[in-house]
Amino acid sequence: CSRPVFARGARDWVTMAAPMSEGCPALEPGAAPYGNFPNYSRFHPPEGRVSLLPGGLLRSLFPAEDRPLLGLDVGCNSGELSVALYRHLLGLQESKGSLDQPAGGKDLNLLCCDIDPVLIERAQQCSPFPTSISFANLDIMDSSAREPFLSSYLGRFGRSTFDIGFCMSVTMWIHLNHGDSGLMDFLSFLSSLCKYLLIEPQPWKCYRAAARRLRKLGRNDFDHFRSLAINGDMAERITQILTKDCAMELVCCFGSTSWDRSLLLFKSNGSNHEGRESSEQEQ
């Protein structure tokens, strides 16, 4: 498949034809090399994450912010969790549609991206909030694609950073496909782009399970799996990277899901965001 190309629409910003497996065939269950499972939310329902997050979270994080907040959800799959996060953070009930006013005291524009164009198309078709949630087909590890695309999106709002980023069960797939350096580059990039970052790392047992699934299907192992030096307690290792190398601080652990994954909230404490915000205010 070809590299992403960009198309602008009135309501969404879409990238087309992100890289997938050779020939882009339909994947057998368990064989999704980038975590792009077609029925992911059936195995890990969104409620398992959002129920851990307190009500009024955006109000507590951004008490003085009166402009609409910007969010980035990386690896959104077909969007069920993205929509659930949006509803929860804005205090919207499940039965209410896109025309209701947020009850959480904040407005949120959420950009959700995934490497799989089929999943993104499904998310676009099913989204109940097309004016507030945009779904984009994007390989977040392709710097030549992500940087102009994200800068263009942020520019629509006169911004250069997102207020909050979401990375839910994505780090393992970045790590397996791009190695230790890829994981560190990914975390460094997100920390530079988001004031807050809510992250759900997969534990090491999930790495072994993912590699085992590929072997059972007769496929080659992940290129980097056996050479990863960053291993073991992945929540702790990712916390170390973000706090020691990426100028972030751990704000809160909201607990663990029933499938043993922690929800960790980080905040940027570096000068990078302050410089960007000052530039925005001058414009």
Protein backbone atom coordinates (compact mmCIF):
# COMPACT_ATOMS: atom_id res chain seq x y z
CA CYS A 1 0.00 0.00 0.00
CA SER A 2 1.07 3.56 -0.60
CA ARG A 3 2.14 6.19 1.85
CA PRO A 4 -0.51 8.50 3.31
CA VAL A 5 -1.84 11.32 1.15
CA PHE A 6 -4.05 14.03 2.53
CA ALA A 7 -7.58 15.08 1.73
CA ARG A 8 -9.44 17.92 3.43
CA GLY A 9 -13.15 17.79 4.02
CA ALA A 10 -15.60 20.17 5.63
CA ARG A 11 -15.96 18.09 8.77
CA ASP A 12 -12.94 15.85 8.97
CA TRP A 13 -9.31 15.59 8.04
CA VAL A 14 -8.55 12.28 6.42
CA THR A 15 -5.37 10.55 5.32
CA MET A 16 -5.72 7.79 2.81
CA ALA A 17 -3.85 4.52 2.27
CA ALA A 18 -1.56 4.26 5.27
CA PRO A 19 0.91 1.36 5.24
CA MET A 20 -0.46 -2.01 6.23
CA SER A 21 0.62 -5.57 5.63
CA GLU A 22 1.70 -6.44 2.11
CA GLY A 23 -1.26 -6.45 -0.26
CA CYS A 24 -3.57 -5.25 2.56
CA PRO A 25 -5.35 -8.62 2.95
CA ALA A 26 -8.05 -9.25 5.51
CA LEU A 27 -6.30 -10.37 8.68
CA GLU A 28 -7.03 -13.55 10.54
CA PRO A 29 -8.11 -13.01 14.14
CA GLY A 30 -5.00 -12.48 16.23
CA ALA A 31 -2.73 -11.71 13.29
CA ALA A 32 -3.01 -7.93 13.28
CA PRO A 33 0.66 -6.83 13.26
CA TYR A 34 -0.08 -3.27 14.37
CA GLY A 35 -2.81 -4.06 16.88
CA ASN A 36 -5.44 -3.25 14.24
CA PHE A 37 -7.87 -5.93 15.36
CA PRO A 38 -11.23 -5.60 13.58
CA ASN A 39 -13.33 -6.35 16.69
CA TYR A 40 -11.06 -5.04 19.44
CA SER A 41 -13.78 -3.41 21.57
CA ARG A 42 -15.51 -6.77 22.03
CA PHE A 43 -12.50 -8.09 23.93
CA HIS A 44 -11.65 -4.91 25.86
CA PRO A 45 -14.85 -2.85 26.18
CA PRO A 46 -14.42 0.94 26.49
CA GLU A 47 -16.27 0.93 29.82
CA GLY A 48 -13.32 -0.92 31.36
CA ARG A 49 -11.19 2.20 30.86
CA VAL A 50 -13.56 5.13 31.19
CA SER A 51 -15.02 3.79 34.45
CA LEU A 52 -11.60 4.34 36.04
CA LEU A 53 -11.50 8.02 35.11
CA PRO A 54 -13.06 10.53 37.53
CA GLY A 55 -15.89 12.78 36.45
CA GLY A 56 -14.93 16.38 35.79
CA LEU A 57 -11.38 15.42 34.82
CA LEU A 58 -11.07 18.13 32.17
CA ARG A 59 -12.34 20.76 34.61
CA SER A 60 -9.73 19.76 37.16
CA LEU A 61 -6.89 19.70 34.61
CA PHE A 62 -7.85 22.92 32.83
CA PRO A 63 -9.72 25.07 35.40
CA ALA A 64 -8.92 28.42 33.76
CA GLU A 65 -9.08 27.38 30.10
CA ASP A 66 -12.03 29.02 28.34
CA ARG A 67 -11.26 28.04 24.75
CA PRO A 68 -12.16 24.63 23.31
CA LEU A 69 -9.66 21.96 24.32
CA LEU A 70 -7.81 19.89 21.72
CA GLY A 71 -7.24 16.16 22.17
CA LEU A 72 -5.26 13.58 20.20
CA ASP A 73 -6.08 9.86 20.34
CA VAL A 74 -3.31 7.74 18.82
CA GLY A 75 -4.21 4.23 17.67
CA CYS A 76 -7.97 4.71 17.89
CA ASN A 77 -8.93 1.49 16.07
CA SER A 78 -12.57 1.79 14.95
CA GLY A 79 -13.34 4.58 17.39
CA GLU A 80 -15.50 2.98 20.08
CA LEU A 81 -13.11 3.93 22.88
CA SER A 82 -12.56 7.41 21.42
CA VAL A 83 -16.30 8.10 21.49
CA ALA A 84 -16.61 6.65 25.00
CA LEU A 85 -13.76 8.86 26.24
CA TYR A 86 -15.37 11.90 24.63
CA ARG A 87 -18.73 11.16 26.24
CA HIS A 88 -17.19 10.55 29.64
CA LEU A 89 -14.92 13.58 29.65
CA LEU A 90 -17.77 15.87 28.60
CA GLY A 91 -20.36 14.26 30.84
CA LEU A 92 -22.63 13.16 27.99
CA GLN A 93 -25.05 10.29 28.48
CA GLU A 94 -24.92 7.30 26.14
CA SER A 95 -28.41 7.99 24.78
CA LYS A 96 -27.66 11.58 23.84
CA GLY A 97 -26.57 12.67 20.39
CA SER A 98 -24.11 15.14 18.96
CA LEU A 99 -26.26 18.24 19.41
CA ASP A 100 -26.30 18.18 23.20
CA GLN A 101 -24.28 20.71 25.15
CA PRO A 102 -21.37 19.24 27.13
CA ALA A 103 -22.19 18.77 30.80
CA GLY A 104 -18.55 18.63 31.85
CA GLY A 105 -18.02 22.37 31.54
CA LYS A 106 -15.58 22.11 28.63
CA ASP A 107 -15.64 21.80 24.84
CA LEU A 108 -13.32 19.25 23.26
CA ASN A 109 -12.18 18.75 19.68
CA LEU A 110 -10.73 15.26 19.42
CA LEU A 111 -8.50 14.10 16.57
CA CYS A 112 -8.25 10.30 16.40
CA CYS A 113 -5.79 8.48 14.15
CA ASP A 114 -5.00 4.89 13.26
CA ILE A 115 -2.78 3.11 10.76
CA ASP A 116 -5.66 0.99 9.38
CA PRO A 117 -7.82 2.75 6.75
CA VAL A 118 -10.62 0.18 7.03
CA LEU A 119 -11.00 0.78 10.75
CA ILE A 120 -10.93 4.55 10.24
CA GLU A 121 -13.65 4.34 7.59
CA ARG A 122 -15.82 2.38 10.01
CA ALA A 123 -15.17 4.96 12.75
CA GLN A 124 -16.16 7.81 10.44
CA GLN A 125 -19.38 6.10 9.43
CA CYS A 126 -20.42 5.34 13.01
CA SER A 127 -19.35 8.51 14.82
CA PRO A 128 -22.21 10.26 16.66
CA PHE A 129 -20.10 13.45 16.97
CA PRO A 130 -18.80 14.22 13.45
CA THR A 131 -18.31 17.93 14.17
CA SER A 132 -16.22 17.36 17.31
CA ILE A 133 -14.42 14.08 16.65
CA SER A 134 -12.28 13.71 13.52
CA PHE A 135 -10.91 10.33 12.42
CA ALA A 136 -7.76 10.20 10.31
CA ASN A 137 -5.84 7.37 8.70
CA LEU A 138 -2.24 8.07 9.70
CA ASP A 139 0.95 6.16 10.47
CA ILE A 140 2.07 8.07 13.54
CA MET A 141 5.62 6.74 13.14
CA ASP A 142 6.00 8.24 9.66
CA SER A 143 7.42 11.66 10.52
CA SER A 144 7.13 12.88 6.93
CA ALA A 145 3.37 12.31 7.11
CA ARG A 146 2.50 13.06 10.72
CA GLU A 147 4.23 16.41 11.15
CA PRO A 148 2.60 18.34 8.30
CA PHE A 149 -0.75 16.70 8.97
CA LEU A 150 -0.83 17.40 12.71
CA SER A 151 0.56 20.90 12.25
CA SER A 152 -2.13 21.61 9.70
CA TYR A 153 -4.84 20.34 12.03
CA LEU A 154 -3.53 22.36 14.97
CA GLY A 155 -3.25 25.40 12.73
CA ARG A 156 -7.00 25.36 12.19
CA PHE A 157 -7.33 26.33 15.85
CA GLY A 158 -4.33 28.64 16.00
CA ARG A 159 -2.52 26.11 18.17
CA SER A 160 0.79 24.25 18.03
CA THR A 161 0.13 21.62 20.73
CA PHE A 162 -2.70 19.45 22.02
CA ASP A 163 -4.08 19.91 25.50
CA ILE A 164 -4.36 16.19 26.13
CA GLY A 165 -3.25 13.04 24.33
CA PHE A 166 -4.53 9.48 24.65
CA CYS A 167 -2.41 6.41 23.98
CA MET A 168 -4.50 3.39 24.92
CA SER A 169 -2.82 -0.01 24.49
CA VAL A 170 -0.64 1.24 21.64
CA THR A 171 2.90 1.33 23.04
CA MET A 172 3.49 -2.42 22.61
CA TRP A 173 2.75 -2.30 18.88
CA ILE A 174 5.07 0.67 18.40
CA HIS A 175 7.73 -1.17 20.42
CA LEU A 176 7.42 -4.49 18.57
CA ASN A 177 7.47 -2.89 15.12
CA HIS A 178 10.04 -0.15 15.72
CA GLY A 179 12.22 -1.41 18.56
CA ASP A 180 13.52 0.34 21.67
CA SER A 181 14.55 3.47 19.78
CA GLY A 182 11.14 3.63 18.08
CA LEU A 183 9.33 3.46 21.41
CA MET A 184 11.50 6.21 22.87
CA ASP A 185 11.05 8.40 19.78
CA PHE A 186 7.29 7.85 19.94
CA LEU A 187 7.06 8.83 23.61
CA SER A 188 9.32 11.82 23.05
CA PHE A 189 7.15 12.98 20.17
CA LEU A 190 3.90 12.64 22.14
CA SER A 191 5.33 14.40 25.18
CA SER A 192 6.44 17.33 23.03
CA LEU A 193 3.00 17.60 21.44
CA CYS A 194 0.66 17.13 24.43
CA LYS A 195 0.43 19.04 27.70
CA TYR A 196 -1.18 16.01 29.36
CA LEU A 197 -0.83 12.40 28.26
CA LEU A 198 -3.10 9.55 29.35
CA ILE A 199 -1.37 6.30 28.53
CA GLU A 200 -2.26 2.63 28.96
CA PRO A 201 0.86 0.49 28.46
CA GLN A 202 0.54 -3.20 27.72
CA PRO A 203 2.37 -5.44 30.22
CA TRP A 204 5.22 -7.67 29.06
CA LYS A 205 3.03 -10.77 29.06
CA CYS A 206 1.10 -9.19 26.17
CA TYR A 207 4.31 -8.97 24.14
CA ARG A 208 4.86 -12.69 24.55
CA ALA A 209 1.23 -13.43 23.67
CA ALA A 210 1.40 -11.29 20.51
CA ALA A 211 4.57 -13.06 19.34
CA ARG A 212 3.05 -16.44 20.15
CA ARG A 213 -0.06 -15.67 18.07
CA LEU A 214 2.07 -14.90 15.02
CA ARG A 215 4.08 -18.09 15.40
CA LYS A 216 0.92 -20.20 15.67
CA LEU A 217 -0.24 -18.72 12.38
CA GLY A 218 3.08 -19.61 10.74
CA ARG A 219 4.16 -16.00 10.36
CA ASN A 220 7.52 -14.45 11.02
CA ASP A 221 8.14 -13.12 14.50
CA PHE A 222 8.22 -9.38 15.12
CA ASP A 223 11.58 -8.07 13.94
CA HIS A 224 12.52 -6.54 17.28
CA PHE A 225 10.88 -8.82 19.82
CA ARG A 226 13.95 -10.85 20.81
CA SER A 227 16.28 -7.84 20.92
CA LEU A 228 14.24 -5.49 23.11
CA ALA A 229 16.28 -4.20 26.04
CA ILE A 230 13.32 -2.24 27.38
CA ASN A 231 11.27 -5.02 28.93
CA GLY A 232 9.85 -6.33 32.19
CA ASP A 233 7.48 -4.00 34.06
CA MET A 234 6.43 -1.90 31.07
CA ALA A 235 4.32 0.57 33.05
CA GLU A 236 7.36 1.32 35.17
CA ARG A 237 9.75 1.43 32.20
CA ILE A 238 7.50 3.82 30.25
CA THR A 239 7.09 5.98 33.34
CA GLN A 240 10.87 6.19 33.63
CA ILE A 241 11.23 7.21 29.99
CA LEU A 242 8.56 9.90 30.21
CA THR A 243 9.78 11.35 33.50
CA LYS A 244 13.55 11.10 33.00
CA ASP A 245 13.91 11.63 29.25
CA CYS A 246 10.76 13.47 28.15
CA ALA A 247 10.30 16.19 30.80
CA MET A 248 6.99 14.87 32.05
CA GLU A 249 5.77 14.11 35.55
CA LEU A 250 3.41 11.36 36.66
CA VAL A 251 0.24 13.02 37.91
CA CYS A 252 -1.91 10.02 38.76
CA CYS A 253 -2.45 6.33 38.27
CA PHE A 254 -6.19 5.79 37.91
CA GLY A 255 -5.91 2.08 38.68
CA SER A 256 -5.89 -0.99 36.46
CA THR A 257 -8.41 -2.52 34.12
CA SER A 258 -9.75 -6.03 34.61
CA TRP A 259 -7.19 -7.15 32.00
CA ASP A 260 -4.32 -5.79 34.10
CA ARG A 261 -3.40 -2.56 32.34
CA SER A 262 -2.73 0.65 34.24
CA LEU A 263 -4.08 4.06 33.25
CA LEU A 264 -1.33 6.62 33.83
CA LEU A 265 -1.71 10.39 33.49
CA PHE A 266 1.39 12.49 32.82
CA LYS A 267 1.89 16.24 32.58
CA SER A 268 4.57 18.08 30.67
CA ASN A 269 6.86 20.14 32.88
CA GLY A 270 9.28 21.19 30.17
CA SER A 271 9.86 24.58 28.56
CA ASN A 272 8.88 23.28 25.12
CA HIS A 273 5.16 23.80 25.75
CA GLU A 274 5.69 27.16 27.43
CA GLY A 275 7.58 28.40 24.40
CA ARG A 276 4.91 27.18 22.02
CA GLU A 277 2.12 28.69 24.10
CA SER A 278 3.88 32.06 24.21
CA SER A 279 4.24 31.96 20.44
CA GLU A 280 0.54 31.22 20.07
CA GLN A 281 -0.42 34.14 22.30
CA GLU A 282 1.72 36.52 20.26
CA GLN A 283 0.03 35.52 17.00
